[in-house]
Every structure is written in C-alpha cells, then in structure tokens.
C-alpha cells in the first residue's frame, strides 16, 4: 500500500471514530492548483470518469461545446472514426446518420468476417492483453450461443460477403472507390473539422449503397 493510500485509510478511520463520538465532521476542502485555481475534480457535482474524458474528447473533435445534449450525442458508435464523423457533419437528421452508418458497419463487418473465417486473415492487428482477475463464468438459458462449426461459420461468412458484393455491384466504380477508400482509411474525409471533397463523395456513395441495401 502506498503512502497516499495509507493516509486516506487513516483519514477514513478517524472520521468514523469522530462520527461515533458525536463530533461533527470537517467541511470539505477545495484543493487548489499552484496558481490558486480550484481543481476541477473537487468542484461540487464534478465527476471525472473515463467515459466522461472520452466523450469530451469526441465533442472537441466535432467542435461541440460538451453540453449535456452534446455529451449524449457523443455516445454514438459512429463517432469512433472519420467515416462516421463525416456523416454527422454532412447529414441533418440523426436517423439519416444511423441509416448510413448501418450500411457502412454492415459492409465492414461482412468484410472482416470473410477475411477471418475464410481467408484466415485479420484485418486489424491484435491488441495487448489485459490481465484480469479470474471470475466465475455463467450463462443463462436466454443466451444466444453460436453452436455452429468452424466450417458453418466460414460458409455463412462467404454467403454474407457475396451478398454485400452484390450490393456494391449496383454502384458506379467511382462510388465503390470512395467507399473502399473510407473502409481502408486511405482517404482524408475530414480536415480542420470540415468535410473534404473526398468526404462528400464518400457520403454520396454511401447513400446509394444504403438505398440498395434497403431495396433488397
């Protein structure tokens, strides 16, 4: 246990003794920075969590003011990459963003599954392992377990990928190129918080793809 942990544990112990003895507790202390400013972490109602930091970073990326409504919007999965962020820049309605992102995510998922199950290739590098405490593993009868064999999974991945290949076949070649450039992160879709010409072309092509998917 570090020195700081021992100090906090001793403070908690003394506070409990004081409470039992009927002695009123001390008022909370507002810690200050070296320049005299109050630390944000000690301001009333301030809670700095990992999710809060991540959502505020997303708001900064989009040029939002991190208001409650902005923080709620920042939870969208489509804000995890430029291919999704540019949709928020160019689409007026949230439902349109969701529609186009669904088409993009479906294509990416089908491509990744085909590469992994059939070709034996991972499109994304493996990340470092995080050691965790061993916990009891349980499932309920409502859980949907994938009991298919590896061969069945590979066949399903190929079938799904062929279906998406058919969807892409309804697009012009330049539209296919715009979408693949976004999938492979080979084109700059956003620059200085504004959509680039490539970003606008990608969104236009993705609208066509989403229309094709909805008609099938």
C-alpha atoms as a PDB file:
ATOM      1  CA  UNK A   1       0.000   0.000   0.000  1.00  0.00           C
ATOM      2  CA  UNK A   2       1.398   3.376  -0.974  1.00  0.00           C
ATOM      3  CA  UNK A   3       1.799   6.381   1.275  1.00  0.00           C
ATOM      4  CA  UNK A   4      -1.250   8.094  -0.209  1.00  0.00           C
ATOM      5  CA  UNK A   5      -3.430   5.031   0.321  1.00  0.00           C
ATOM      6  CA  UNK A   6      -2.330   4.753   3.972  1.00  0.00           C
ATOM      7  CA  UNK A   7      -3.145   8.431   4.523  1.00  0.00           C
ATOM      8  CA  UNK A   8      -6.631   8.068   3.052  1.00  0.00           C
ATOM      9  CA  UNK A   9      -7.306   4.903   5.068  1.00  0.00           C
ATOM     10  CA  UNK A  10      -6.234   6.665   8.286  1.00  0.00           C
ATOM     11  CA  UNK A  11      -8.455   9.656   7.463  1.00  0.00           C
ATOM     12  CA  UNK A  12     -11.464   7.386   6.938  1.00  0.00           C
ATOM     13  CA  UNK A  13     -10.749   5.593  10.236  1.00  0.00           C
ATOM     14  CA  UNK A  14     -10.515   8.869  12.164  1.00  0.00           C
ATOM     15  CA  UNK A  15     -13.731  10.140  10.545  1.00  0.00           C
ATOM     16  CA  UNK A  16     -15.602   7.032  11.674  1.00  0.00           C
ATOM     17  CA  UNK A  17     -14.307   7.444  15.232  1.00  0.00           C
ATOM     18  CA  UNK A  18     -15.396  11.085  15.241  1.00  0.00           C
ATOM     19  CA  UNK A  19     -18.842  10.145  13.964  1.00  0.00           C
ATOM     20  CA  UNK A  20     -19.303   7.566  16.715  1.00  0.00           C
ATOM     21  CA  UNK A  21     -18.195  10.109  19.309  1.00  0.00           C
ATOM     22  CA  UNK A  22     -20.705  12.671  18.060  1.00  0.00           C
ATOM     23  CA  UNK A  23     -18.062  15.088  16.831  1.00  0.00           C
ATOM     24  CA  UNK A  24     -19.142  16.936  13.652  1.00  0.00           C
ATOM     25  CA  UNK A  25     -17.088  16.163  10.570  1.00  0.00           C
ATOM     26  CA  UNK A  26     -14.808  18.609   8.821  1.00  0.00           C
ATOM     27  CA  UNK A  27     -16.066  20.657   5.926  1.00  0.00           C
ATOM     28  CA  UNK A  28     -14.866  19.519   2.504  1.00  0.00           C
ATOM     29  CA  UNK A  29     -11.670  21.204   1.362  1.00  0.00           C
ATOM     30  CA  UNK A  30     -11.445  22.633  -2.123  1.00  0.00           C
ATOM     31  CA  UNK A  31      -7.975  21.739  -3.312  1.00  0.00           C
ATOM     32  CA  UNK A  32      -6.266  24.300  -5.486  1.00  0.00           C
ATOM     33  CA  UNK A  33      -3.720  24.286  -8.252  1.00  0.00           C
ATOM     34  CA  UNK A  34      -0.359  26.063  -7.891  1.00  0.00           C
ATOM     35  CA  UNK A  35      -1.811  29.197  -9.458  1.00  0.00           C
ATOM     36  CA  UNK A  36      -4.659  29.319  -6.923  1.00  0.00           C
ATOM     37  CA  UNK A  37      -7.421  27.937  -9.128  1.00  0.00           C
ATOM     38  CA  UNK A  38      -9.774  25.358  -7.653  1.00  0.00           C
ATOM     39  CA  UNK A  39      -9.174  21.906  -9.035  1.00  0.00           C
ATOM     40  CA  UNK A  40     -11.999  20.786 -11.279  1.00  0.00           C
ATOM     41  CA  UNK A  41     -12.026  17.373  -9.594  1.00  0.00           C
ATOM     42  CA  UNK A  42     -13.028  18.978  -6.257  1.00  0.00           C
ATOM     43  CA  UNK A  43     -15.780  21.233  -7.597  1.00  0.00           C
ATOM     44  CA  UNK A  44     -19.285  20.274  -6.421  1.00  0.00           C
ATOM     45  CA  UNK A  45     -21.009  17.883  -8.826  1.00  0.00           C
ATOM     46  CA  UNK A  46     -17.863  17.238 -10.845  1.00  0.00           C
ATOM     47  CA  UNK A  47     -17.136  13.612 -11.630  1.00  0.00           C
ATOM     48  CA  UNK A  48     -14.204  12.850 -13.857  1.00  0.00           C
ATOM     49  CA  UNK A  49     -14.662   9.340 -15.169  1.00  0.00           C
ATOM     50  CA  UNK A  50     -13.007   7.560 -18.053  1.00  0.00           C
ATOM     51  CA  UNK A  51     -16.245   7.763 -20.046  1.00  0.00           C
ATOM     52  CA  UNK A  52     -16.510  11.488 -19.330  1.00  0.00           C
ATOM     53  CA  UNK A  53     -12.992  12.104 -20.630  1.00  0.00           C
ATOM     54  CA  UNK A  54     -13.656  10.082 -23.790  1.00  0.00           C
ATOM     55  CA  UNK A  55     -16.968  11.829 -24.501  1.00  0.00           C
ATOM     56  CA  UNK A  56     -15.441  15.273 -24.021  1.00  0.00           C
ATOM     57  CA  UNK A  57     -12.658  14.333 -26.434  1.00  0.00           C
ATOM     58  CA  UNK A  58     -15.256  13.351 -29.011  1.00  0.00           C
ATOM     59  CA  UNK A  59     -17.039  16.661 -28.508  1.00  0.00           C
ATOM     60  CA  UNK A  60     -13.783  18.528 -29.130  1.00  0.00           C
ATOM     61  CA  UNK A  61     -13.210  16.530 -32.324  1.00  0.00           C
ATOM     62  CA  UNK A  62     -16.642  17.534 -33.603  1.00  0.00           C
ATOM     63  CA  UNK A  63     -16.417  21.158 -32.439  1.00  0.00           C
ATOM     64  CA  UNK A  64     -19.247  20.715 -29.911  1.00  0.00           C
ATOM     65  CA  UNK A  65     -19.399  22.535 -26.561  1.00  0.00           C
ATOM     66  CA  UNK A  66     -19.739  19.403 -24.388  1.00  0.00           C
ATOM     67  CA  UNK A  67     -23.189  20.394 -23.154  1.00  0.00           C
ATOM     68  CA  UNK A  68     -25.402  17.593 -21.782  1.00  0.00           C
ATOM     69  CA  UNK A  69     -27.090  17.159 -25.157  1.00  0.00           C
ATOM     70  CA  UNK A  70     -23.691  17.112 -26.876  1.00  0.00           C
ATOM     71  CA  UNK A  71     -22.366  14.524 -24.417  1.00  0.00           C
ATOM     72  CA  UNK A  72     -25.398  12.359 -25.180  1.00  0.00           C
ATOM     73  CA  UNK A  73     -24.751  12.615 -28.930  1.00  0.00           C
ATOM     74  CA  UNK A  74     -21.080  11.787 -28.385  1.00  0.00           C
ATOM     75  CA  UNK A  75     -22.029   8.271 -27.280  1.00  0.00           C
ATOM     76  CA  UNK A  76     -22.870   7.326 -30.864  1.00  0.00           C
ATOM     77  CA  UNK A  77     -20.740   4.463 -32.161  1.00  0.00           C
ATOM     78  CA  UNK A  78     -20.433   6.268 -35.494  1.00  0.00           C
ATOM     79  CA  UNK A  79     -18.088   8.803 -33.873  1.00  0.00           C
ATOM     80  CA  UNK A  80     -15.341   6.242 -33.443  1.00  0.00           C
ATOM     81  CA  UNK A  81     -13.778   7.007 -36.849  1.00  0.00           C
ATOM     82  CA  UNK A  82     -13.747   9.657 -39.584  1.00  0.00           C
ATOM     83  CA  UNK A  83     -16.025   7.514 -41.748  1.00  0.00           C
ATOM     84  CA  UNK A  84     -18.720   8.018 -39.129  1.00  0.00           C
ATOM     85  CA  UNK A  85     -17.828  11.551 -38.021  1.00  0.00           C
ATOM     86  CA  UNK A  86     -18.208  12.906 -41.532  1.00  0.00           C
ATOM     87  CA  UNK A  87     -21.794  11.620 -41.522  1.00  0.00           C
ATOM     88  CA  UNK A  88     -22.554  13.868 -38.550  1.00  0.00           C
ATOM     89  CA  UNK A  89     -21.029  16.802 -40.420  1.00  0.00           C
ATOM     90  CA  UNK A  90     -22.999  16.306 -43.634  1.00  0.00           C
ATOM     91  CA  UNK A  91     -26.303  14.756 -42.511  1.00  0.00           C
ATOM     92  CA  UNK A  92     -29.002  16.936 -40.977  1.00  0.00           C
ATOM     93  CA  UNK A  93     -31.028  14.197 -39.308  1.00  0.00           C
ATOM     94  CA  UNK A  94     -29.842  11.654 -36.719  1.00  0.00           C
ATOM     95  CA  UNK A  95     -31.912   8.924 -38.388  1.00  0.00           C
ATOM     96  CA  UNK A  96     -30.041   9.509 -41.657  1.00  0.00           C
ATOM     97  CA  UNK A  97     -26.723   9.209 -39.823  1.00  0.00           C
ATOM     98  CA  UNK A  98     -27.914   5.922 -38.300  1.00  0.00           C
ATOM     99  CA  UNK A  99     -29.072   4.624 -41.698  1.00  0.00           C
ATOM    100  CA  UNK A 100     -25.795   5.357 -43.454  1.00  0.00           C
ATOM    101  CA  UNK A 101     -23.685   4.122 -40.546  1.00  0.00           C
ATOM    102  CA  UNK A 102     -25.645   0.860 -40.521  1.00  0.00           C
ATOM    103  CA  UNK A 103     -24.726   0.296 -44.167  1.00  0.00           C
ATOM    104  CA  UNK A 104     -21.061   1.141 -43.569  1.00  0.00           C
ATOM    105  CA  UNK A 105     -20.806  -1.015 -40.437  1.00  0.00           C
ATOM    106  CA  UNK A 106     -22.546  -3.895 -42.207  1.00  0.00           C
ATOM    107  CA  UNK A 107     -20.053  -3.780 -45.065  1.00  0.00           C
ATOM    108  CA  UNK A 108     -17.071  -3.596 -42.699  1.00  0.00           C
ATOM    109  CA  UNK A 109     -18.400  -6.461 -40.593  1.00  0.00           C
ATOM    110  CA  UNK A 110     -19.023  -8.695 -43.605  1.00  0.00           C
ATOM    111  CA  UNK A 111     -15.564  -7.927 -44.986  1.00  0.00           C
ATOM    112  CA  UNK A 112     -13.826  -8.643 -41.672  1.00  0.00           C
ATOM    113  CA  UNK A 113     -15.757 -11.893 -41.098  1.00  0.00           C
ATOM    114  CA  UNK A 114     -14.965 -13.129 -44.622  1.00  0.00           C
ATOM    115  CA  UNK A 115     -11.280 -12.347 -44.217  1.00  0.00           C
ATOM    116  CA  UNK A 116     -11.067 -14.008 -40.809  1.00  0.00           C
ATOM    117  CA  UNK A 117     -13.271 -17.075 -41.346  1.00  0.00           C
ATOM    118  CA  UNK A 118     -12.467 -17.923 -44.964  1.00  0.00           C
ATOM    119  CA  UNK A 119      -9.081 -16.368 -45.723  1.00  0.00           C
ATOM    120  CA  UNK A 120      -7.636 -16.736 -42.226  1.00  0.00           C
ATOM    121  CA  UNK A 121      -6.517 -13.092 -42.224  1.00  0.00           C
ATOM    122  CA  UNK A 122      -7.208 -10.500 -39.551  1.00  0.00           C
ATOM    123  CA  UNK A 123      -7.819  -7.030 -40.947  1.00  0.00           C
ATOM    124  CA  UNK A 124      -6.912  -5.367 -37.647  1.00  0.00           C
ATOM    125  CA  UNK A 125      -3.833  -6.034 -35.511  1.00  0.00           C
ATOM    126  CA  UNK A 126      -4.203  -7.815 -32.219  1.00  0.00           C
ATOM    127  CA  UNK A 127      -4.088  -5.560 -29.183  1.00  0.00           C
ATOM    128  CA  UNK A 128      -2.182  -6.122 -25.965  1.00  0.00           C
ATOM    129  CA  UNK A 129      -3.744  -8.462 -23.449  1.00  0.00           C
ATOM    130  CA  UNK A 130      -5.103  -7.032 -20.208  1.00  0.00           C
ATOM    131  CA  UNK A 131      -4.677  -9.239 -17.170  1.00  0.00           C
ATOM    132  CA  UNK A 132      -7.913  -9.571 -15.182  1.00  0.00           C
ATOM    133  CA  UNK A 133      -8.949 -11.376 -12.028  1.00  0.00           C
ATOM    134  CA  UNK A 134     -10.482 -14.777 -12.603  1.00  0.00           C
ATOM    135  CA  UNK A 135     -14.250 -14.633 -12.171  1.00  0.00           C
ATOM    136  CA  UNK A 136     -16.921 -17.268 -12.251  1.00  0.00           C
ATOM    137  CA  UNK A 137     -18.301 -17.673 -15.767  1.00  0.00           C
ATOM    138  CA  UNK A 138     -22.009 -18.269 -16.024  1.00  0.00           C
ATOM    139  CA  UNK A 139     -24.614 -18.270 -18.759  1.00  0.00           C
ATOM    140  CA  UNK A 140     -28.381 -18.287 -18.711  1.00  0.00           C
ATOM    141  CA  UNK A 141     -30.845 -20.185 -20.838  1.00  0.00           C
ATOM    142  CA  UNK A 142     -31.692 -16.982 -22.702  1.00  0.00           C
ATOM    143  CA  UNK A 143     -28.165 -16.525 -24.053  1.00  0.00           C
ATOM    144  CA  UNK A 144     -27.842 -16.983 -27.804  1.00  0.00           C
ATOM    145  CA  UNK A 145     -24.765 -19.173 -28.212  1.00  0.00           C
ATOM    146  CA  UNK A 146     -23.234 -19.729 -31.626  1.00  0.00           C
ATOM    147  CA  UNK A 147     -23.013 -23.517 -31.770  1.00  0.00           C
ATOM    148  CA  UNK A 148     -22.056 -23.663 -35.446  1.00  0.00           C
ATOM    149  CA  UNK A 149     -18.919 -25.452 -36.522  1.00  0.00           C
ATOM    150  CA  UNK A 150     -15.996 -23.518 -37.955  1.00  0.00           C
ATOM    151  CA  UNK A 151     -16.947 -24.763 -41.410  1.00  0.00           C
ATOM    152  CA  UNK A 152     -20.514 -23.496 -40.988  1.00  0.00           C
ATOM    153  CA  UNK A 153     -19.261 -20.116 -39.780  1.00  0.00           C
ATOM    154  CA  UNK A 154     -16.933 -19.852 -42.779  1.00  0.00           C
ATOM    155  CA  UNK A 155     -19.767 -20.742 -45.159  1.00  0.00           C
ATOM    156  CA  UNK A 156     -22.041 -18.112 -43.584  1.00  0.00           C
ATOM    157  CA  UNK A 157     -19.267 -15.503 -43.827  1.00  0.00           C
ATOM    158  CA  UNK A 158     -18.765 -16.233 -47.517  1.00  0.00           C
ATOM    159  CA  UNK A 159     -22.504 -16.096 -48.210  1.00  0.00           C
ATOM    160  CA  UNK A 160     -22.865 -12.769 -46.422  1.00  0.00           C
ATOM    161  CA  UNK A 161     -19.833 -11.336 -48.208  1.00  0.00           C
ATOM    162  CA  UNK A 162     -21.206 -12.383 -51.603  1.00  0.00           C
ATOM    163  CA  UNK A 163     -24.451 -10.616 -50.701  1.00  0.00           C
ATOM    164  CA  UNK A 164     -22.555  -7.392 -49.991  1.00  0.00           C
ATOM    165  CA  UNK A 165     -20.591  -7.819 -53.205  1.00  0.00           C
ATOM    166  CA  UNK A 166     -23.946  -7.835 -54.979  1.00  0.00           C
ATOM    167  CA  UNK A 167     -24.960  -4.617 -53.240  1.00  0.00           C
ATOM    168  CA  UNK A 168     -21.711  -2.954 -54.294  1.00  0.00           C
ATOM    169  CA  UNK A 169     -22.270  -4.122 -57.867  1.00  0.00           C
ATOM    170  CA  UNK A 170     -25.150  -1.643 -58.168  1.00  0.00           C
ATOM    171  CA  UNK A 171     -22.810   1.300 -57.571  1.00  0.00           C
ATOM    172  CA  UNK A 172     -20.655   3.125 -60.088  1.00  0.00           C
ATOM    173  CA  UNK A 173     -16.940   2.397 -59.975  1.00  0.00           C
ATOM    174  CA  UNK A 174     -16.121   5.796 -58.529  1.00  0.00           C
ATOM    175  CA  UNK A 175     -18.680   5.240 -55.771  1.00  0.00           C
ATOM    176  CA  UNK A 176     -17.143   1.881 -54.922  1.00  0.00           C
ATOM    177  CA  UNK A 177     -13.718   3.508 -54.826  1.00  0.00           C
ATOM    178  CA  UNK A 178     -14.944   6.235 -52.450  1.00  0.00           C
ATOM    179  CA  UNK A 179     -16.390   3.675 -50.051  1.00  0.00           C
ATOM    180  CA  UNK A 180     -13.361   1.399 -50.104  1.00  0.00           C
ATOM    181  CA  UNK A 181     -11.121   4.386 -49.528  1.00  0.00           C
ATOM    182  CA  UNK A 182     -13.079   5.062 -46.326  1.00  0.00           C
ATOM    183  CA  UNK A 183     -13.120   1.404 -45.257  1.00  0.00           C
ATOM    184  CA  UNK A 184      -9.351   1.117 -45.671  1.00  0.00           C
ATOM    185  CA  UNK A 185      -8.749   4.608 -44.225  1.00  0.00           C
ATOM    186  CA  UNK A 186      -6.836   5.608 -47.351  1.00  0.00           C
ATOM    187  CA  UNK A 187      -8.592   8.943 -47.946  1.00  0.00           C
ATOM    188  CA  UNK A 188      -8.879  12.057 -45.805  1.00  0.00           C
ATOM    189  CA  UNK A 189     -12.590  12.548 -45.163  1.00  0.00           C
ATOM    190  CA  UNK A 190     -12.250  15.427 -42.667  1.00  0.00           C
ATOM    191  CA  UNK A 191      -9.801  18.288 -42.477  1.00  0.00           C
ATOM    192  CA  UNK A 192      -9.952  21.086 -39.885  1.00  0.00           C
ATOM    193  CA  UNK A 193     -13.344  19.779 -38.689  1.00  0.00           C
ATOM    194  CA  UNK A 194     -14.797  20.166 -42.178  1.00  0.00           C
ATOM    195  CA  UNK A 195     -15.692  17.504 -44.709  1.00  0.00           C
ATOM    196  CA  UNK A 196     -13.297  17.256 -47.638  1.00  0.00           C
ATOM    197  CA  UNK A 197     -14.333  16.695 -51.255  1.00  0.00           C
ATOM    198  CA  UNK A 198     -13.484  13.014 -50.735  1.00  0.00           C
ATOM    199  CA  UNK A 199     -15.678  13.010 -47.646  1.00  0.00           C
ATOM    200  CA  UNK A 200     -18.619  14.423 -49.575  1.00  0.00           C
ATOM    201  CA  UNK A 201     -18.130  11.887 -52.348  1.00  0.00           C
ATOM    202  CA  UNK A 202     -17.996   9.077 -49.789  1.00  0.00           C
ATOM    203  CA  UNK A 203     -21.261  10.163 -48.154  1.00  0.00           C
ATOM    204  CA  UNK A 204     -22.947  10.437 -51.550  1.00  0.00           C
ATOM    205  CA  UNK A 205     -21.780   6.937 -52.464  1.00  0.00           C
ATOM    206  CA  UNK A 206     -22.829   5.565 -49.069  1.00  0.00           C
ATOM    207  CA  UNK A 207     -26.340   6.952 -49.574  1.00  0.00           C
ATOM    208  CA  UNK A 208     -26.562   4.976 -52.799  1.00  0.00           C
ATOM    209  CA  UNK A 209     -25.342   1.838 -51.055  1.00  0.00           C
ATOM    210  CA  UNK A 210     -27.840   2.271 -48.209  1.00  0.00           C
ATOM    211  CA  UNK A 211     -30.647   2.691 -50.758  1.00  0.00           C
ATOM    212  CA  UNK A 212     -29.606  -0.527 -52.495  1.00  0.00           C
ATOM    213  CA  UNK A 213     -29.470  -2.445 -49.202  1.00  0.00           C
ATOM    214  CA  UNK A 214     -32.948  -1.250 -48.209  1.00  0.00           C
ATOM    215  CA  UNK A 215     -34.455  -2.327 -51.537  1.00  0.00           C
ATOM    216  CA  UNK A 216     -33.097  -5.876 -51.282  1.00  0.00           C
END
